Amino acid sequence: MTASGVVVRWPFTGNQWFPVIALINKCGIPALVAYARRTADRTHVDSARYFMRGWGELPPKPAAGSPVHTPRPHLRAVGQSPEDRGIF
């Protein structure tokens, strides 16, 4: 998180780290950092504890090996022009 510009205290001790580790396993570090970055851009944050509630509401990361959806523009069929189909 420090590399992304979010510098906060990590006041967790002992078994208080277990929820943080569970969130890392559930959501993944990139999602946690992205949420922290968006939140820190809106308000001053001193402690990582501030992010815990929001991190808990993040969706789980995709299963390993699942395809990544990348939005693509709709393409016209090759060899057809809009004029031939009477669109224009």
N, C-alpha and C. Protein backbone atom coordinates (compact mmCIF):
# COMPACT_ATOMS: atom_id res chain seq x y z
N MET A 1 0.83 -1.19 0.00
CA MET A 1 0.00 0.00 0.00
C MET A 1 0.87 1.25 0.00
N THR A 2 1.99 1.19 0.67
CA THR A 2 2.87 2.35 0.69
C THR A 2 3.33 2.71 -0.72
N ALA A 3 3.60 1.70 -1.54
CA ALA A 3 4.03 1.96 -2.92
C ALA A 3 2.95 2.67 -3.73
N SER A 4 1.68 2.48 -3.35
CA SER A 4 0.59 3.14 -4.07
C SER A 4 0.30 4.53 -3.51
N GLY A 5 1.03 4.93 -2.48
CA GLY A 5 0.85 6.26 -1.92
C GLY A 5 -0.01 6.31 -0.68
N VAL A 6 -0.47 5.16 -0.20
CA VAL A 6 -1.30 5.11 1.02
C VAL A 6 -0.39 4.71 2.18
N VAL A 7 -0.05 5.67 3.01
CA VAL A 7 0.82 5.41 4.15
C VAL A 7 -0.03 5.47 5.41
N VAL A 8 -0.21 4.32 6.05
CA VAL A 8 -1.04 4.22 7.26
C VAL A 8 -0.33 3.36 8.30
N ARG A 9 -0.81 3.48 9.54
CA ARG A 9 -0.33 2.60 10.61
C ARG A 9 -1.04 1.26 10.49
N TRP A 10 -0.38 0.21 10.93
CA TRP A 10 -0.97 -1.13 10.99
C TRP A 10 -0.97 -1.53 12.46
N PRO A 11 -2.00 -1.15 13.21
CA PRO A 11 -1.99 -1.35 14.66
C PRO A 11 -2.40 -2.75 15.12
N PHE A 12 -2.47 -3.70 14.22
CA PHE A 12 -2.93 -5.04 14.57
C PHE A 12 -1.84 -5.79 15.34
N THR A 13 -2.26 -6.54 16.34
CA THR A 13 -1.34 -7.37 17.10
C THR A 13 -1.94 -8.76 17.28
N GLY A 14 -1.09 -9.73 17.40
CA GLY A 14 -1.54 -11.09 17.68
C GLY A 14 -2.59 -11.59 16.71
N ASN A 15 -3.70 -12.08 17.27
CA ASN A 15 -4.75 -12.67 16.43
C ASN A 15 -5.61 -11.63 15.71
N GLN A 16 -5.35 -10.35 15.89
CA GLN A 16 -6.07 -9.31 15.14
C GLN A 16 -5.69 -9.33 13.66
N TRP A 17 -4.59 -10.01 13.33
CA TRP A 17 -4.16 -10.11 11.94
C TRP A 17 -4.99 -11.13 11.15
N PHE A 18 -5.66 -12.06 11.82
CA PHE A 18 -6.41 -13.11 11.12
C PHE A 18 -7.48 -12.55 10.18
N PRO A 19 -8.28 -11.56 10.58
CA PRO A 19 -9.25 -11.00 9.62
C PRO A 19 -8.57 -10.35 8.41
N VAL A 20 -7.42 -9.72 8.62
CA VAL A 20 -6.70 -9.10 7.50
C VAL A 20 -6.22 -10.18 6.54
N ILE A 21 -5.66 -11.25 7.07
CA ILE A 21 -5.19 -12.36 6.24
C ILE A 21 -6.35 -13.01 5.50
N ALA A 22 -7.50 -13.14 6.17
CA ALA A 22 -8.68 -13.72 5.51
C ALA A 22 -9.15 -12.84 4.35
N LEU A 23 -9.10 -11.52 4.52
CA LEU A 23 -9.49 -10.61 3.45
C LEU A 23 -8.51 -10.67 2.28
N ILE A 24 -7.22 -10.82 2.58
CA ILE A 24 -6.22 -10.97 1.52
C ILE A 24 -6.52 -12.23 0.72
N ASN A 25 -6.82 -13.32 1.41
CA ASN A 25 -7.12 -14.57 0.72
C ASN A 25 -8.43 -14.49 -0.07
N LYS A 26 -9.42 -13.78 0.47
CA LYS A 26 -10.74 -13.69 -0.18
C LYS A 26 -10.71 -12.76 -1.39
N CYS A 27 -10.14 -11.57 -1.23
CA CYS A 27 -10.25 -10.52 -2.26
C CYS A 27 -8.99 -10.33 -3.08
N GLY A 28 -7.85 -10.61 -2.51
CA GLY A 28 -6.57 -10.37 -3.18
C GLY A 28 -6.02 -9.00 -2.84
N ILE A 29 -4.72 -8.92 -2.80
CA ILE A 29 -4.05 -7.67 -2.44
C ILE A 29 -4.37 -6.53 -3.41
N PRO A 30 -4.39 -6.75 -4.73
CA PRO A 30 -4.69 -5.62 -5.63
C PRO A 30 -6.05 -4.96 -5.34
N ALA A 31 -7.07 -5.76 -5.01
CA ALA A 31 -8.39 -5.19 -4.72
C ALA A 31 -8.35 -4.39 -3.42
N LEU A 32 -7.64 -4.89 -2.41
CA LEU A 32 -7.55 -4.17 -1.14
C LEU A 32 -6.82 -2.84 -1.33
N VAL A 33 -5.74 -2.87 -2.08
CA VAL A 33 -4.97 -1.64 -2.32
C VAL A 33 -5.79 -0.64 -3.14
N ALA A 34 -6.50 -1.12 -4.15
CA ALA A 34 -7.33 -0.22 -4.96
C ALA A 34 -8.40 0.45 -4.12
N TYR A 35 -9.04 -0.31 -3.23
CA TYR A 35 -10.06 0.26 -2.35
C TYR A 35 -9.42 1.30 -1.42
N ALA A 36 -8.27 0.95 -0.83
CA ALA A 36 -7.60 1.88 0.08
C ALA A 36 -7.20 3.15 -0.65
N ARG A 37 -6.73 3.02 -1.88
CA ARG A 37 -6.32 4.19 -2.68
C ARG A 37 -7.51 5.11 -2.93
N ARG A 38 -8.65 4.53 -3.34
CA ARG A 38 -9.85 5.35 -3.59
C ARG A 38 -10.33 6.04 -2.31
N THR A 39 -10.30 5.32 -1.20
CA THR A 39 -10.75 5.87 0.07
C THR A 39 -9.81 6.97 0.55
N ALA A 40 -8.51 6.73 0.46
CA ALA A 40 -7.54 7.72 0.92
C ALA A 40 -7.56 8.98 0.06
N ASP A 41 -8.00 8.85 -1.19
CA ASP A 41 -8.13 10.04 -2.04
C ASP A 41 -9.26 10.95 -1.58
N ARG A 42 -10.28 10.36 -0.92
CA ARG A 42 -11.44 11.14 -0.47
C ARG A 42 -11.29 11.70 0.94
N THR A 43 -10.57 10.99 1.80
CA THR A 43 -10.49 11.40 3.20
C THR A 43 -9.13 11.05 3.78
N HIS A 44 -8.74 11.74 4.84
CA HIS A 44 -7.47 11.46 5.50
C HIS A 44 -7.60 10.20 6.35
N VAL A 45 -6.70 9.26 6.16
CA VAL A 45 -6.75 7.99 6.88
C VAL A 45 -5.42 7.80 7.60
N ASP A 46 -5.49 7.50 8.91
CA ASP A 46 -4.28 7.28 9.71
C ASP A 46 -3.96 5.81 9.91
N SER A 47 -4.99 4.97 9.93
CA SER A 47 -4.81 3.58 10.31
C SER A 47 -5.44 2.64 9.29
N ALA A 48 -4.81 1.51 9.06
CA ALA A 48 -5.36 0.49 8.17
C ALA A 48 -6.67 -0.06 8.72
N ARG A 49 -6.88 0.07 10.00
CA ARG A 49 -8.13 -0.40 10.61
C ARG A 49 -9.35 0.31 9.99
N TYR A 50 -9.16 1.52 9.50
CA TYR A 50 -10.24 2.29 8.87
C TYR A 50 -10.82 1.57 7.66
N PHE A 51 -10.00 0.80 6.95
CA PHE A 51 -10.43 0.14 5.72
C PHE A 51 -11.17 -1.18 5.95
N MET A 52 -11.12 -1.73 7.13
CA MET A 52 -11.60 -3.09 7.37
C MET A 52 -13.06 -3.30 6.95
N ARG A 53 -13.95 -2.40 7.30
CA ARG A 53 -15.37 -2.58 6.95
C ARG A 53 -15.56 -2.59 5.43
N GLY A 54 -14.94 -1.65 4.74
CA GLY A 54 -15.04 -1.60 3.28
C GLY A 54 -14.41 -2.80 2.61
N TRP A 55 -13.27 -3.23 3.11
CA TRP A 55 -12.62 -4.42 2.56
C TRP A 55 -13.53 -5.64 2.71
N GLY A 56 -14.25 -5.71 3.81
CA GLY A 56 -15.14 -6.85 4.04
C GLY A 56 -16.29 -6.91 3.05
N GLU A 57 -16.64 -5.79 2.43
CA GLU A 57 -17.74 -5.74 1.47
C GLU A 57 -17.29 -5.97 0.03
N LEU A 58 -15.98 -6.11 -0.19
CA LEU A 58 -15.49 -6.35 -1.55
C LEU A 58 -15.88 -7.75 -2.01
N PRO A 59 -16.09 -7.92 -3.31
CA PRO A 59 -16.41 -9.25 -3.82
C PRO A 59 -15.18 -10.15 -3.78
N PRO A 60 -15.39 -11.46 -3.76
CA PRO A 60 -14.24 -12.36 -3.77
C PRO A 60 -13.52 -12.30 -5.12
N LYS A 61 -12.22 -12.60 -5.07
CA LYS A 61 -11.46 -12.61 -6.32
C LYS A 61 -11.88 -13.81 -7.15
N PRO A 62 -11.72 -13.72 -8.47
CA PRO A 62 -12.10 -14.85 -9.33
C PRO A 62 -11.27 -16.08 -9.01
N ALA A 63 -11.85 -17.23 -9.22
CA ALA A 63 -11.13 -18.48 -9.00
C ALA A 63 -9.95 -18.57 -9.95
N ALA A 64 -8.90 -19.22 -9.49
CA ALA A 64 -7.71 -19.38 -10.32
C ALA A 64 -8.07 -20.12 -11.61
N GLY A 65 -7.59 -19.61 -12.71
CA GLY A 65 -7.85 -20.23 -14.00
C GLY A 65 -9.14 -19.80 -14.67
N SER A 66 -9.93 -18.95 -14.00
CA SER A 66 -11.17 -18.50 -14.64
C SER A 66 -10.82 -17.45 -15.70
N PRO A 67 -11.58 -17.43 -16.80
CA PRO A 67 -11.26 -16.48 -17.87
C PRO A 67 -11.48 -15.03 -17.42
N VAL A 68 -10.65 -14.17 -17.91
CA VAL A 68 -10.76 -12.75 -17.59
C VAL A 68 -11.62 -12.09 -18.65
N HIS A 69 -12.67 -11.41 -18.21
CA HIS A 69 -13.57 -10.72 -19.15
C HIS A 69 -12.96 -9.37 -19.49
N THR A 70 -12.70 -9.16 -20.75
CA THR A 70 -12.23 -7.86 -21.21
C THR A 70 -13.26 -7.32 -22.18
N PRO A 71 -13.89 -6.21 -21.87
CA PRO A 71 -14.90 -5.64 -22.76
C PRO A 71 -14.29 -5.34 -24.13
N ARG A 72 -15.00 -5.72 -25.16
CA ARG A 72 -14.54 -5.48 -26.53
C ARG A 72 -15.64 -4.74 -27.28
N PRO A 73 -15.24 -3.93 -28.23
CA PRO A 73 -16.27 -3.23 -29.01
C PRO A 73 -17.01 -4.21 -29.92
N HIS A 74 -18.24 -3.91 -30.23
CA HIS A 74 -19.01 -4.72 -31.17
C HIS A 74 -18.44 -4.50 -32.57
N LEU A 75 -18.16 -5.58 -33.26
CA LEU A 75 -17.56 -5.49 -34.59
C LEU A 75 -18.58 -5.87 -35.65
N ARG A 76 -18.49 -5.24 -36.78
CA ARG A 76 -19.35 -5.60 -37.91
C ARG A 76 -18.76 -6.82 -38.61
N ALA A 77 -19.59 -7.54 -39.27
CA ALA A 77 -19.12 -8.71 -40.03
C ALA A 77 -18.21 -8.26 -41.15
N VAL A 78 -17.18 -9.02 -41.41
CA VAL A 78 -16.24 -8.70 -42.47
C VAL A 78 -16.93 -8.82 -43.82
N GLY A 79 -16.68 -7.88 -44.70
CA GLY A 79 -17.22 -7.94 -46.05
C GLY A 79 -18.58 -7.30 -46.19
N GLN A 80 -19.12 -6.73 -45.13
CA GLN A 80 -20.41 -6.05 -45.22
C GLN A 80 -20.20 -4.57 -44.99
N SER A 81 -20.87 -3.77 -45.74
CA SER A 81 -20.82 -2.34 -45.50
C SER A 81 -22.20 -1.90 -45.01
N PRO A 82 -22.27 -0.85 -44.23
CA PRO A 82 -23.56 -0.38 -43.74
C PRO A 82 -24.53 -0.03 -44.86
N GLU A 83 -24.00 0.45 -46.00
CA GLU A 83 -24.86 0.84 -47.11
C GLU A 83 -25.57 -0.38 -47.70
N ASP A 84 -24.88 -1.52 -47.76
CA ASP A 84 -25.47 -2.74 -48.33
C ASP A 84 -26.63 -3.25 -47.48
N ARG A 85 -26.59 -2.98 -46.19
CA ARG A 85 -27.63 -3.49 -45.31
C ARG A 85 -28.74 -2.47 -45.09
N GLY A 86 -28.65 -1.31 -45.70
CA GLY A 86 -29.70 -0.32 -45.59
C GLY A 86 -29.78 0.37 -44.24
N ILE A 87 -28.67 0.42 -43.52
CA ILE A 87 -28.68 1.08 -42.21
C ILE A 87 -28.70 2.59 -42.37
N PHE A 88 -27.99 3.11 -43.38
CA PHE A 88 -27.87 4.55 -43.53
C PHE A 88 -28.74 5.07 -44.64
